[in-house]
Protein backbone atom coordinates (compact mmCIF):
# COMPACT_ATOMS: atom_id res chain seq x y z
CA MET A 1 13.84 15.53 -26.64
CA LYS A 2 15.28 12.15 -27.73
CA LEU A 3 12.03 11.28 -29.52
CA ILE A 4 12.10 14.56 -31.45
CA LEU A 5 15.69 13.96 -32.55
CA GLU A 6 14.86 10.39 -33.65
CA ASN A 7 11.83 11.65 -35.60
CA TRP A 8 13.97 14.33 -37.24
CA ARG A 9 16.59 11.77 -38.30
CA ASP A 10 13.85 9.48 -39.60
CA PHE A 11 12.41 12.41 -41.58
CA ILE A 12 15.81 13.25 -43.09
CA GLU A 13 16.50 9.64 -44.09
CA LYS A 14 13.11 9.17 -45.76
CA SER A 15 12.46 12.63 -47.13
CA GLU A 16 13.15 13.64 -50.69
CA GLU A 17 12.72 17.29 -49.83
CA VAL A 18 15.04 19.47 -47.83
CA PRO A 19 13.17 21.04 -44.89
CA GLU A 20 12.93 24.81 -44.94
CA GLU A 21 14.22 25.11 -41.41
CA PRO A 22 15.82 22.54 -39.10
CA LEU A 23 14.64 21.99 -35.56
CA ARG A 24 15.89 24.73 -33.30
CA GLY A 25 19.33 23.85 -31.97
CA TYR A 26 20.12 21.25 -34.65
CA ALA A 27 22.12 21.78 -37.80
CA TYR A 28 20.79 20.15 -40.94
CA VAL A 29 23.23 18.30 -43.14
CA ALA A 30 21.72 17.41 -46.48
CA PRO A 31 22.10 13.73 -47.37
CA ALA A 32 23.91 12.83 -50.56
CA ARG A 33 21.58 13.20 -53.53
CA GLU A 34 21.87 11.18 -56.68
CA GLU A 35 22.42 13.60 -59.50
CA GLU A 36 21.05 13.30 -63.00
CA SER A 37 23.84 13.36 -65.54
CA ASP A 38 23.32 15.29 -68.72
CA VAL A 39 27.03 14.93 -69.48
CA ASN A 40 29.08 11.85 -70.23
CA TYR A 41 29.74 9.76 -67.14
CA ALA A 42 31.07 6.59 -65.57
CA SER A 43 29.62 4.75 -62.59
CA PHE A 44 31.29 2.50 -60.05
CA VAL A 45 30.08 0.30 -57.18
CA VAL A 46 31.67 -0.49 -53.84
CA VAL A 47 30.49 -4.11 -53.51
CA THR A 48 30.89 -5.24 -49.91
CA GLU A 49 30.70 -8.46 -47.97
CA GLY A 50 31.13 -7.71 -44.28
CA THR A 51 34.33 -5.67 -43.99
CA THR A 52 35.65 -6.71 -47.38
CA VAL A 53 35.32 -4.95 -50.71
CA LEU A 54 35.55 -6.37 -54.22
CA LEU A 55 38.48 -5.03 -56.26
CA LEU A 56 39.34 -5.84 -59.87
CA LEU A 57 42.87 -5.71 -61.30
CA ARG A 58 43.22 -3.62 -64.44
CA PRO A 59 45.57 -5.06 -67.11
CA GLU A 60 49.03 -3.52 -67.60
CA THR A 61 47.97 -2.79 -71.20
CA GLU A 62 45.07 -0.57 -70.09
CA LEU A 63 45.42 3.08 -71.12
CA SER A 64 44.04 4.48 -67.88
CA PHE A 65 45.34 3.24 -64.54
CA PRO A 66 47.24 0.18 -65.85
CA GLY A 67 48.04 -2.48 -63.25
CA MET A 68 45.91 -0.81 -60.58
CA TRP A 69 43.06 -2.27 -58.53
CA GLY A 70 39.66 -0.68 -58.96
CA LEU A 71 35.97 -1.00 -58.31
CA PRO A 72 33.61 -2.67 -60.76
CA GLY A 73 32.10 -0.11 -63.09
CA GLY A 74 32.66 1.84 -66.22
CA GLY A 75 31.31 4.18 -68.83
CA LYS A 76 27.79 4.98 -69.90
CA ASP A 77 26.28 2.81 -72.61
CA GLU A 78 23.54 3.94 -75.01
CA SER A 79 21.13 1.50 -73.36
CA ASP A 80 21.72 2.87 -69.83
CA LYS A 81 18.86 4.97 -68.50
CA ASP A 82 20.85 6.51 -65.65
CA PRO A 83 24.15 6.22 -63.74
CA ARG A 84 22.72 3.58 -61.36
CA LYS A 85 21.85 1.30 -64.31
CA THR A 86 25.36 1.83 -65.70
CA ALA A 87 26.92 0.71 -62.42
CA TRP A 88 24.59 -2.32 -62.27
CA ARG A 89 25.31 -3.36 -65.88
CA GLU A 90 29.08 -2.90 -65.58
CA THR A 91 29.28 -4.95 -62.36
CA LYS A 92 27.29 -7.72 -64.00
CA GLU A 93 29.57 -7.70 -67.05
CA GLU A 94 32.88 -7.40 -65.19
CA ALA A 95 32.38 -9.56 -62.06
CA MET A 96 29.34 -11.71 -62.90
CA LEU A 97 27.45 -10.29 -59.92
CA ASP A 98 23.77 -9.39 -60.16
CA LEU A 99 23.29 -6.46 -57.79
CA SER A 100 19.96 -5.62 -56.22
CA ILE A 101 19.30 -2.25 -57.85
CA ALA A 102 16.88 -1.33 -55.05
CA SER A 103 19.60 -1.79 -52.42
CA MET A 104 22.26 0.21 -54.29
CA LYS A 105 22.94 3.34 -52.24
CA PHE A 106 24.24 6.51 -53.85
CA LEU A 107 27.52 7.72 -52.32
CA HIS A 108 28.62 10.79 -54.28
CA THR A 109 29.44 12.27 -57.67
CA GLU A 110 32.81 13.66 -58.67
CA HIS A 111 32.81 16.28 -61.42
CA ILE A 112 36.05 15.40 -63.21
CA GLU A 113 35.73 17.83 -66.09
CA SER A 114 33.01 20.20 -67.23
CA ASP A 115 31.63 17.44 -69.43
CA PHE A 116 32.40 14.29 -67.40
CA ASP A 117 31.10 12.97 -64.06
CA VAL A 118 31.94 9.87 -62.03
CA HIS A 119 29.15 8.43 -59.86
CA TYR A 120 29.74 6.08 -56.93
CA TYR A 121 27.33 3.64 -55.28
CA LYS A 122 27.60 0.98 -52.60
CA CYS A 123 25.84 -2.38 -52.45
CA ASP A 124 25.95 -5.45 -50.23
CA ASP A 125 22.96 -7.29 -51.72
CA TYR A 126 23.81 -9.36 -54.77
CA HIS A 127 23.75 -12.83 -56.30
CA TYR A 128 26.49 -14.69 -58.09
CA ILE A 129 25.82 -15.48 -61.73
CA GLY A 130 26.80 -19.08 -62.40
CA GLU A 131 28.24 -20.40 -65.61
CA ASP A 132 24.72 -21.63 -66.36
CA ASP A 133 23.48 -18.01 -66.07
CA GLU A 134 21.43 -18.93 -62.97
CA LEU A 135 21.61 -16.79 -59.82
CA TYR A 136 23.18 -18.17 -56.64
CA TYR A 137 23.51 -16.91 -53.06
CA ASP A 138 26.95 -18.49 -52.71
CA GLY A 139 29.70 -18.67 -55.23
CA GLU A 140 32.67 -16.85 -56.61
CA ALA A 141 32.92 -13.68 -58.61
CA ARG A 142 34.00 -14.46 -62.16
CA ILE A 143 35.82 -11.73 -64.00
CA SER A 144 35.49 -10.86 -67.64
CA ASP A 145 38.47 -10.55 -69.95
CA GLU A 146 38.56 -6.81 -69.13
CA HIS A 147 40.49 -7.57 -65.92
CA ASP A 148 43.39 -9.77 -64.89
CA ASP A 149 42.25 -10.75 -61.40
CA TYR A 150 39.89 -9.97 -58.55
CA ALA A 151 40.17 -9.93 -54.76
CA TRP A 152 37.89 -9.51 -51.77
CA VAL A 153 40.03 -7.14 -49.69
CA ASP A 154 39.52 -6.38 -46.02
CA ILE A 155 39.42 -2.63 -45.40
CA ASN A 156 42.40 -3.01 -43.04
CA ASP A 157 44.50 -4.37 -45.92
CA LEU A 158 43.71 -1.72 -48.54
CA ASP A 159 47.16 -0.17 -48.14
CA GLN A 160 48.64 -3.31 -49.73
CA TYR A 161 46.88 -2.55 -53.03
CA LYS A 162 47.54 0.22 -55.53
CA ILE A 163 43.98 1.53 -55.93
CA VAL A 164 42.63 3.71 -58.74
CA PRO A 165 42.39 7.34 -57.55
CA GLY A 166 38.86 8.25 -56.50
CA ASN A 167 37.92 4.64 -55.79
CA GLU A 168 39.63 4.71 -52.40
CA LYS A 169 37.54 7.70 -51.30
CA ALA A 170 34.33 5.83 -52.15
CA ILE A 171 35.52 2.75 -50.26
CA PHE A 172 36.35 4.76 -47.16
CA LYS A 173 33.03 6.59 -47.34
CA THR A 174 31.20 3.24 -47.54
CA PHE A 175 32.75 2.12 -44.25
CA GLY A 176 32.44 5.51 -42.55
CA ILE A 177 36.19 6.14 -42.52
CA GLN A 178 37.18 9.82 -42.52
CA ILE A 179 40.02 10.78 -44.85
CA ILE A 180 42.30 13.34 -43.21
């Protein structure tokens, strides 16, 4: 019985198709699926290092969420092929981190308005972009002029930061924390 359950979980994790019927006695919970966006969208990434997450401080002059801490990310650009590429590009621009696109995992999509979606990803595989534009395994995030500061925040210290709504949910989901 254990082998069957392990095979079923393996099938679910690797399968792109939803099975017609789950094994008898087991409920099937569909994994999160990355949605295509035919509407305007923004994409954000929960960049992790162990139990810490990268947060960027939005300037007080920002129109949306001034003075709040948020995830790297932003709006769709004409050159972006999909939401994943948007998240990758924005993280590179804002924090000088080159994410491994292949290791970016889709978390969820929030439908904010009928014509606007917000996509969330998580990633723990990245390189630092040095001032010489070379990639390094070790280094420091460098923020663009779009933000005032950055911090690697332990998940146990998140309550000390005023976090952009929606970003907190993605962070908790990344670490398997249930929001009650």
